[in-house]
Amino acid sequence: MRNSVLTIALMIAAFLVSCNRDKGGGGIAVIPKGTTHVYWKSVQAGAQQAGKDLNVRILWKGPLKENDRQGQISVVEQFVGDKVDAIVLAPLDDKALVKPVREAGDAKIPVVIIDSALQGQPGKDFVSYVATDNRKGGEIAGTELARLLHGKGKVVLLRYMEGSASTADREAGFLAVMKQNPGIVMLADNRFAGATASEAQSAAMNMLDQIGAADGVFCPNESSTFGMLLAMKQAGLAGKRKFVGFDATPQLVDALKAGDIDALVAQDPYKMGYEGVRQAVQAVQHKPVDPHVDTGVRLITNARLKDPAVQKLLAH
């Protein structure tokens, strides 16, 4: 009798292992735009904490650089083939990732889009969109730079990268505010930084004449802001031009404290990672999913660094 019970138990265990193998081990796949920026470390921390709180396995994988569209597509396709339970994706291109996301849906794998928009409708083409209100973030940046310049002066915008919906929305919001200030003249608004801080630094160095002639500068993400900061330091312009950047990594906050940056528009990447996983788990469990989750955005200045809400944000 004891041998029969043991045999049955072993058969059940083998069956469960087989099922788990067929599903590729299950879990929630979280795919960032890239893995080099500090920003994504905070997204990962939020996702991992959600995994612990909700008792799910987090599979973190993405391309190295944020210009590797095919690399990110391959990661999505790999996880679809592995039959993961759900995918949380920050698409680095709002068009190129439409097809692989559709294929995931066809395979009955729910997809939550985070950070940057994908062409399609939340709740229909993917289950949820969890992100910053990026246009609002750009408007906040524009309003602050206009205030610092007292509504007049020459301004340079160094854009991030073509195909990035999140930064395109920030740039559009910023430029909309600039147009509302007739005393402000845009010296440059059509130059792109590229995928990394070093590329952004090179791009900024190539437009030093315009930066030198400007009164204010805006950059729409972590790498473009840091690259611009490095170029301005190299050219002796740091702290001599009003500079508003985006994202609040430790290096950028240090520059804010030093007076080399006047303000940062901060997202909440930790919350983005956490909520992305939470919505994915809700979808897997066939529970109600919020089609759109706004993770918030706020302006950080030196004077606001002691604000408890800001300190909590920076702690992640």
Protein backbone atom coordinates (compact mmCIF):
# COMPACT_ATOMS: atom_id res chain seq x y z
CA MET A 1 0.00 0.00 0.00
CA ARG A 2 2.83 2.36 0.98
CA ASN A 3 4.63 1.63 -2.32
CA SER A 4 1.44 2.37 -4.28
CA VAL A 5 1.00 5.75 -2.55
CA LEU A 6 4.65 6.59 -3.20
CA THR A 7 4.30 5.61 -6.87
CA ILE A 8 1.22 7.80 -7.28
CA ALA A 9 2.96 10.74 -5.58
CA LEU A 10 5.94 10.40 -7.89
CA MET A 11 3.67 10.28 -10.94
CA ILE A 12 1.87 13.45 -9.82
CA ALA A 13 5.18 15.23 -9.21
CA ALA A 14 6.45 14.20 -12.64
CA PHE A 15 3.22 15.45 -14.22
CA LEU A 16 3.53 18.83 -12.52
CA VAL A 17 7.15 19.19 -13.57
CA SER A 18 6.16 18.33 -17.14
CA CYS A 19 3.39 20.93 -17.13
CA ASN A 20 5.75 23.53 -15.74
CA ARG A 21 8.32 22.70 -18.42
CA ASP A 22 5.70 22.98 -21.16
CA LYS A 23 4.90 26.46 -19.90
CA GLY A 24 8.55 27.46 -19.97
CA GLY A 25 8.55 27.61 -16.19
CA GLY A 26 5.85 30.30 -16.11
CA GLY A 27 6.38 33.68 -14.48
CA ILE A 28 6.02 37.32 -15.48
CA ALA A 29 8.51 38.49 -18.10
CA VAL A 30 9.56 42.14 -17.66
CA ILE A 31 11.29 43.63 -20.71
CA PRO A 32 12.87 47.11 -20.42
CA LYS A 33 13.93 49.29 -23.33
CA GLY A 34 17.53 48.67 -22.35
CA THR A 35 19.62 47.64 -19.40
CA THR A 36 22.33 50.31 -19.23
CA HIS A 37 20.37 53.28 -17.82
CA VAL A 38 20.05 53.71 -14.06
CA TYR A 39 16.34 54.39 -14.59
CA TRP A 40 15.69 50.76 -15.49
CA LYS A 41 17.32 49.56 -12.27
CA SER A 42 14.51 51.31 -10.38
CA VAL A 43 11.90 49.75 -12.68
CA GLN A 44 13.48 46.35 -12.01
CA ALA A 45 13.44 46.93 -8.24
CA GLY A 46 9.74 47.74 -8.35
CA ALA A 47 8.99 44.71 -10.49
CA GLN A 48 10.97 42.42 -8.20
CA GLN A 49 9.18 43.76 -5.11
CA ALA A 50 5.82 43.15 -6.76
CA GLY A 51 6.97 39.63 -7.55
CA LYS A 52 7.74 39.03 -3.88
CA ASP A 53 4.50 40.59 -2.66
CA LEU A 54 2.35 38.69 -5.16
CA ASN A 55 4.35 35.44 -5.05
CA VAL A 56 5.20 35.33 -8.75
CA ARG A 57 8.49 34.75 -10.53
CA ILE A 58 9.95 37.77 -12.34
CA LEU A 59 11.96 37.15 -15.51
CA TRP A 60 13.95 40.31 -16.28
CA LYS A 61 15.56 40.59 -19.71
CA GLY A 62 16.05 43.30 -22.30
CA PRO A 63 18.44 44.58 -24.95
CA LEU A 64 21.63 46.26 -23.80
CA LYS A 65 21.08 49.56 -25.60
CA GLU A 66 17.84 51.41 -26.23
CA ASN A 67 18.31 51.50 -30.01
CA ASP A 68 18.27 47.71 -30.47
CA ARG A 69 14.75 47.26 -31.82
CA GLN A 70 15.39 43.82 -33.25
CA GLY A 71 16.99 42.74 -30.00
CA GLN A 72 13.90 43.70 -28.03
CA ILE A 73 11.63 42.03 -30.56
CA SER A 74 13.68 38.83 -30.20
CA VAL A 75 13.31 38.95 -26.40
CA VAL A 76 9.52 39.27 -26.71
CA GLU A 77 9.41 36.40 -29.20
CA GLN A 78 11.57 34.26 -26.91
CA PHE A 79 9.21 34.75 -23.96
CA VAL A 80 6.17 34.03 -26.14
CA GLY A 81 7.85 30.79 -27.21
CA ASP A 82 8.60 30.01 -23.57
CA LYS A 83 4.87 30.43 -22.80
CA VAL A 84 5.36 32.77 -19.88
CA ASP A 85 2.25 33.73 -17.94
CA ALA A 86 2.38 37.41 -18.92
CA ILE A 87 4.69 40.07 -20.37
CA VAL A 88 5.40 43.56 -19.05
CA LEU A 89 7.01 45.54 -21.87
CA ALA A 90 8.54 49.01 -22.24
CA PRO A 91 8.56 49.29 -26.06
CA LEU A 92 11.54 51.18 -27.40
CA ASP A 93 9.64 51.83 -30.64
CA ASP A 94 5.90 52.50 -30.73
CA LYS A 95 5.51 50.85 -34.15
CA ALA A 96 8.13 48.09 -34.32
CA LEU A 97 6.80 46.27 -31.25
CA VAL A 98 3.16 46.17 -32.39
CA LYS A 99 3.49 42.86 -34.23
CA PRO A 100 5.25 40.88 -31.47
CA VAL A 101 2.75 42.19 -28.91
CA ARG A 102 -0.09 41.05 -31.17
CA GLU A 103 1.56 37.63 -31.45
CA ALA A 104 1.74 37.42 -27.66
CA GLY A 105 -1.97 38.18 -27.48
CA ASP A 106 -2.70 35.51 -30.08
CA ALA A 107 -0.82 33.07 -27.81
CA LYS A 108 -3.13 34.07 -24.91
CA ILE A 109 -0.29 35.81 -23.09
CA PRO A 110 -1.48 39.12 -21.62
CA VAL A 111 0.82 42.10 -22.24
CA VAL A 112 1.10 45.19 -20.05
CA ILE A 113 2.82 48.18 -21.68
CA ILE A 114 4.88 50.38 -19.36
CA ASP A 115 6.86 53.62 -19.65
CA SER A 116 6.33 54.38 -23.33
CA ALA A 117 3.22 54.11 -25.47
CA LEU A 118 2.61 51.50 -28.14
CA GLN A 119 0.31 52.10 -31.05
CA GLY A 120 -2.98 50.48 -30.14
CA GLN A 121 -5.70 50.67 -27.54
CA PRO A 122 -5.25 49.66 -23.88
CA GLY A 123 -7.79 47.03 -22.92
CA LYS A 124 -7.98 45.83 -26.51
CA ASP A 125 -4.56 45.52 -28.16
CA PHE A 126 -2.84 45.01 -24.78
CA VAL A 127 -4.34 44.72 -21.34
CA SER A 128 -2.99 47.88 -19.68
CA TYR A 129 -0.77 50.93 -20.12
CA VAL A 130 1.20 51.92 -17.00
CA ALA A 131 3.23 55.10 -17.42
CA THR A 132 3.98 58.71 -16.69
CA ASP A 133 1.77 61.35 -18.27
CA ASN A 134 4.65 62.25 -20.55
CA ARG A 135 3.05 65.25 -22.24
CA LYS A 136 2.33 66.69 -18.80
CA GLY A 137 5.96 66.06 -17.82
CA GLY A 138 7.16 68.05 -20.83
CA GLU A 139 4.74 70.85 -19.99
CA ILE A 140 6.05 70.95 -16.40
CA ALA A 141 9.61 71.22 -17.74
CA GLY A 142 8.65 74.00 -20.15
CA THR A 143 6.79 75.94 -17.50
CA GLU A 144 9.76 75.76 -15.13
CA LEU A 145 12.30 76.80 -17.78
CA ALA A 146 10.09 79.70 -18.85
CA ARG A 147 9.85 80.78 -15.19
CA LEU A 148 13.63 80.58 -14.77
CA LEU A 149 14.07 82.72 -17.90
CA HIS A 150 11.34 85.18 -16.88
CA GLY A 151 9.56 84.41 -20.13
CA LYS A 152 12.30 85.54 -22.50
CA GLY A 153 15.54 84.21 -23.94
CA LYS A 154 17.00 81.65 -26.31
CA VAL A 155 16.45 77.94 -25.73
CA VAL A 156 17.95 74.67 -26.95
CA LEU A 157 16.09 71.34 -26.91
CA LEU A 158 18.15 68.18 -27.38
CA ARG A 159 15.66 65.46 -28.26
CA TYR A 160 16.19 61.81 -27.31
CA MET A 161 15.66 59.33 -30.16
CA GLU A 162 13.23 58.84 -33.02
CA GLY A 163 10.54 56.19 -32.38
CA SER A 164 10.45 56.72 -28.61
CA ALA A 165 6.85 57.69 -27.89
CA SER A 166 7.45 58.72 -24.27
CA THR A 167 10.14 61.27 -25.03
CA ALA A 168 8.33 62.49 -28.15
CA ASP A 169 5.36 63.36 -25.93
CA ARG A 170 7.63 65.18 -23.47
CA GLU A 171 9.24 67.15 -26.29
CA ALA A 172 5.82 68.05 -27.68
CA GLY A 173 4.60 69.22 -24.26
CA PHE A 174 7.74 71.29 -23.76
CA LEU A 175 7.51 72.94 -27.18
CA ALA A 176 3.82 73.73 -26.65
CA VAL A 177 4.73 75.75 -23.56
CA MET A 178 7.58 77.48 -25.39
CA LYS A 179 5.12 78.63 -28.05
CA GLN A 180 2.99 80.18 -25.31
CA ASN A 181 5.93 82.44 -24.42
CA PRO A 182 6.49 84.88 -27.30
CA GLY A 183 9.67 86.17 -25.66
CA ILE A 184 11.36 82.77 -26.02
CA VAL A 185 13.18 81.82 -29.23
CA MET A 186 14.06 78.21 -30.01
CA LEU A 187 17.64 78.01 -31.30
CA ALA A 188 17.48 74.23 -31.83
CA ASP A 189 14.66 71.70 -31.58
CA ASN A 190 15.52 69.11 -34.23
CA ARG A 191 18.69 67.45 -32.92
CA PHE A 192 18.69 63.94 -31.40
CA ALA A 193 20.88 62.68 -28.57
CA GLY A 194 20.90 58.95 -29.35
CA ALA A 195 20.56 55.92 -27.12
CA THR A 196 23.34 56.49 -24.56
CA ALA A 197 24.81 59.27 -22.46
CA SER A 198 28.05 59.14 -24.45
CA GLU A 199 26.14 59.59 -27.70
CA ALA A 200 24.22 62.47 -26.13
CA GLN A 201 27.47 64.07 -25.01
CA SER A 202 28.83 63.85 -28.56
CA ALA A 203 25.62 65.31 -29.97
CA ALA A 204 25.77 68.18 -27.48
CA MET A 205 29.44 68.85 -28.23
CA ASN A 206 28.50 69.16 -31.90
CA MET A 207 26.03 71.95 -31.08
CA LEU A 208 28.12 73.93 -28.58
CA ASP A 209 27.74 77.11 -30.62
CA GLN A 210 23.98 76.99 -30.11
CA ILE A 211 24.26 75.95 -26.46
CA GLY A 212 26.74 78.76 -25.85
CA ALA A 213 24.35 81.27 -27.41
CA ALA A 214 21.38 79.92 -25.45
CA ASP A 215 19.95 81.05 -22.13
CA GLY A 216 18.24 77.75 -21.36
CA VAL A 217 18.42 74.04 -22.19
CA PHE A 218 16.00 71.11 -21.90
CA CYS A 219 16.64 67.37 -22.31
CA PRO A 220 13.80 64.80 -22.11
CA ASN A 221 15.31 61.72 -20.41
CA GLU A 222 18.11 60.39 -18.22
CA SER A 223 20.76 59.73 -20.86
CA SER A 224 20.20 62.93 -22.86
CA THR A 225 20.26 64.99 -19.64
CA PHE A 226 23.45 63.36 -18.38
CA GLY A 227 25.16 63.59 -21.78
CA MET A 228 24.28 67.28 -22.02
CA LEU A 229 25.58 67.81 -18.48
CA LEU A 230 28.93 66.20 -19.37
CA ALA A 231 29.24 68.34 -22.51
CA MET A 232 28.39 71.54 -20.65
CA LYS A 233 30.94 70.71 -17.96
CA GLN A 234 33.57 70.03 -20.61
CA ALA A 235 32.81 73.37 -22.29
CA GLY A 236 32.72 75.32 -19.03
CA LEU A 237 29.01 76.09 -19.41
CA ALA A 238 27.61 74.04 -16.51
CA GLY A 239 25.79 76.30 -14.07
CA LYS A 240 25.96 79.19 -16.54
CA ARG A 241 22.83 78.26 -18.49
CA LYS A 242 19.41 77.46 -17.06
CA PHE A 243 19.11 73.70 -17.43
CA VAL A 244 16.02 71.56 -16.91
CA GLY A 245 16.39 67.80 -17.32
CA PHE A 246 14.28 64.69 -16.99
CA ASP A 247 14.57 61.75 -14.54
CA ALA A 248 16.19 61.79 -11.11
CA THR A 249 19.13 59.39 -10.99
CA PRO A 250 21.74 59.91 -8.24
CA GLN A 251 24.18 61.56 -10.68
CA LEU A 252 21.57 64.03 -11.87
CA VAL A 253 20.41 64.79 -8.34
CA ASP A 254 24.05 65.47 -7.38
CA ALA A 255 24.26 67.91 -10.31
CA LEU A 256 21.05 69.55 -9.08
CA LYS A 257 22.56 69.99 -5.61
CA ALA A 258 25.74 71.43 -7.17
CA GLY A 259 23.79 73.98 -9.20
CA ASP A 260 24.78 72.53 -12.58
CA ILE A 261 21.12 71.58 -13.20
CA ASP A 262 18.29 73.90 -12.13
CA ALA A 263 15.41 71.42 -12.09
CA LEU A 264 14.54 67.81 -12.86
CA VAL A 265 11.19 66.40 -13.89
CA ALA A 266 10.97 63.09 -12.06
CA GLN A 267 9.00 60.00 -12.90
CA ASP A 268 8.37 57.10 -10.51
CA PRO A 269 10.08 54.14 -12.22
CA TYR A 270 9.80 51.97 -9.09
CA LYS A 271 6.03 52.39 -9.06
CA MET A 272 5.95 51.78 -12.80
CA GLY A 273 7.67 48.42 -12.40
CA TYR A 274 5.50 47.46 -9.45
CA GLU A 275 2.19 48.44 -11.06
CA GLY A 276 3.14 46.85 -14.36
CA VAL A 277 3.62 43.48 -12.66
CA ARG A 278 0.52 43.93 -10.51
CA GLN A 279 -1.68 44.59 -13.53
CA ALA A 280 -0.14 41.59 -15.32
CA VAL A 281 -0.92 39.31 -12.37
CA GLN A 282 -4.48 40.64 -12.27
CA ALA A 283 -4.84 39.73 -15.96
CA VAL A 284 -3.41 36.23 -15.45
CA GLN A 285 -5.83 35.66 -12.59
CA HIS A 286 -8.76 36.96 -14.68
CA LYS A 287 -9.34 39.80 -12.25
CA PRO A 288 -10.22 43.40 -13.20
CA VAL A 289 -7.33 45.26 -14.85
CA ASP A 290 -6.96 49.04 -15.05
CA PRO A 291 -6.55 49.89 -18.74
CA HIS A 292 -4.47 52.98 -17.86
CA VAL A 293 -2.41 53.65 -14.73
CA ASP A 294 -0.80 57.10 -14.36
CA THR A 295 2.30 56.63 -12.18
CA GLY A 296 2.79 60.37 -11.61
CA VAL A 297 5.36 63.03 -12.39
CA ARG A 298 6.75 65.89 -10.30
CA LEU A 299 9.19 68.78 -10.49
CA ILE A 300 12.27 68.53 -8.28
CA THR A 301 14.35 71.59 -7.43
CA ASN A 302 17.02 72.13 -4.80
CA ALA A 303 14.43 73.72 -2.55
CA ARG A 304 12.18 70.67 -2.78
CA LEU A 305 14.77 68.00 -2.02
CA LYS A 306 13.73 67.87 1.65
CA ASP A 307 10.07 67.33 0.78
CA PRO A 308 9.10 63.89 2.23
CA ALA A 309 7.36 62.91 -1.02
CA VAL A 310 10.50 63.75 -3.01
CA GLN A 311 12.73 61.89 -0.55
CA LYS A 312 10.50 58.82 -0.84
CA LEU A 313 10.70 58.98 -4.62
CA LEU A 314 14.48 59.33 -4.61
CA ALA A 315 14.88 56.49 -2.11
CA HIS A 316 14.08 53.98 -4.85
